[in-house]
Protein backbone atom coordinates (compact mmCIF):
# COMPACT_ATOMS: atom_id res chain seq x y z
CA MET A 1 -16.88 37.62 66.72
CA ARG A 2 -15.74 41.03 64.67
CA ALA A 3 -14.24 42.75 67.25
CA THR A 4 -11.59 45.24 68.10
CA VAL A 5 -10.03 46.70 71.32
CA ASN A 6 -9.94 50.78 71.73
CA PRO A 7 -7.10 51.16 74.18
CA ARG A 8 -8.13 54.57 75.79
CA ASN A 9 -11.00 52.97 77.38
CA ASN A 10 -10.11 49.24 77.35
CA LEU A 11 -13.68 47.68 76.21
CA ALA A 12 -13.87 46.01 73.10
CA HIS A 13 -16.35 46.43 70.33
CA CYS A 14 -18.15 43.93 68.38
CA PHE A 15 -19.06 44.71 65.18
CA CYS A 16 -21.69 42.04 64.93
CA CYS A 17 -23.50 42.63 67.46
CA LYS A 18 -22.87 46.47 68.26
CA LYS A 19 -21.90 45.75 71.93
CA ASN A 20 -19.56 47.21 73.70
CA LEU A 21 -17.64 44.80 75.95
CA ASN A 22 -14.81 44.36 79.13
CA ASN A 23 -11.94 42.16 78.46
CA ILE A 24 -13.90 39.86 81.22
CA ASP A 25 -17.11 39.96 79.06
CA LEU A 26 -15.53 39.41 75.70
CA LEU A 27 -13.52 36.54 76.98
CA ILE A 28 -17.25 34.67 78.35
CA THR A 29 -18.66 35.29 74.97
CA LEU A 30 -15.84 33.54 73.48
CA ASP A 31 -16.61 30.92 75.96
CA TYR A 32 -14.42 31.18 78.38
CA ASP A 33 -15.83 30.86 82.08
CA PHE A 34 -15.01 33.29 84.36
CA ARG A 35 -11.98 31.69 86.28
CA SER A 36 -10.46 30.89 82.97
CA ALA A 37 -10.92 34.18 81.70
CA VAL A 38 -9.27 36.10 84.48
CA ALA A 39 -6.34 33.59 84.68
CA LEU A 40 -5.64 34.07 81.22
CA LEU A 41 -5.72 38.06 81.56
CA GLU A 42 -3.55 37.28 83.98
CA ARG A 43 -1.30 35.04 82.19
CA TRP A 44 -1.16 37.56 79.67
CA LEU A 45 -0.35 40.61 82.12
CA ASN A 46 2.64 38.65 83.14
CA GLU A 47 3.81 37.81 80.06
CA TYR A 48 3.52 41.70 78.92
CA GLN A 49 5.59 43.07 81.99
CA ALA A 50 7.95 40.28 81.93
CA ARG A 51 8.53 41.78 78.13
CA GLN A 52 8.51 44.80 79.32
CA ALA A 53 11.41 44.75 82.01
CA LYS A 54 13.15 42.88 79.31
CA LYS A 55 13.32 45.80 77.10
CA ALA A 56 14.32 48.39 80.01
CA ARG A 57 16.99 46.07 81.10
CA GLN A 58 18.27 45.82 77.43
CA ALA A 59 17.60 49.49 77.27
CA GLN A 60 19.46 49.80 80.61
CA GLN A 61 22.35 47.92 79.34
CA SER A 62 22.56 49.10 75.89
CA GLY A 63 23.35 52.27 77.80
CA LYS A 64 25.84 51.73 80.03
CA ALA A 65 27.64 50.24 76.50
CA ARG A 66 27.29 53.11 75.07
CA ARG A 67 28.49 55.07 78.03
CA ARG A 68 32.18 53.20 78.48
CA HIS A 69 32.55 53.17 75.07
CA ASP A 70 32.12 57.04 75.22
CA LYS A 71 34.50 57.33 78.25
CA ARG A 72 37.31 55.01 76.40
CA TYR A 73 36.73 57.58 73.26
CA ILE A 74 36.85 60.58 75.16
CA ALA A 75 40.15 58.87 77.23
CA HIS A 76 41.63 58.21 73.42
CA ILE A 77 40.92 62.01 72.10
CA ILE A 78 42.41 63.57 75.49
CA THR A 79 45.35 61.55 75.29
CA TYR A 80 46.28 61.93 71.77
CA HIS A 81 45.74 65.61 71.83
CA LYS A 82 48.56 65.33 75.31
CA SER A 83 50.67 63.72 73.22
CA THR A 84 50.67 66.65 70.12
């Protein structure tokens, strides 16, 4: 099977049989049974959500570190200008 997934409508298009398939139908075509297909999609969703949460936490921590650095830098500049 040669297929690609369209992210807009979340359908896979098979170039061999010219069919459009949803996620579960695609996995069933690849010899998964329904329960296994749903379990696999659930696992992939959980992994994706975990990666997104990790990225969000890292971005938040990076922002906090940057703000702390900016505050220290501004305090340093203020102290310098007060002393001159």
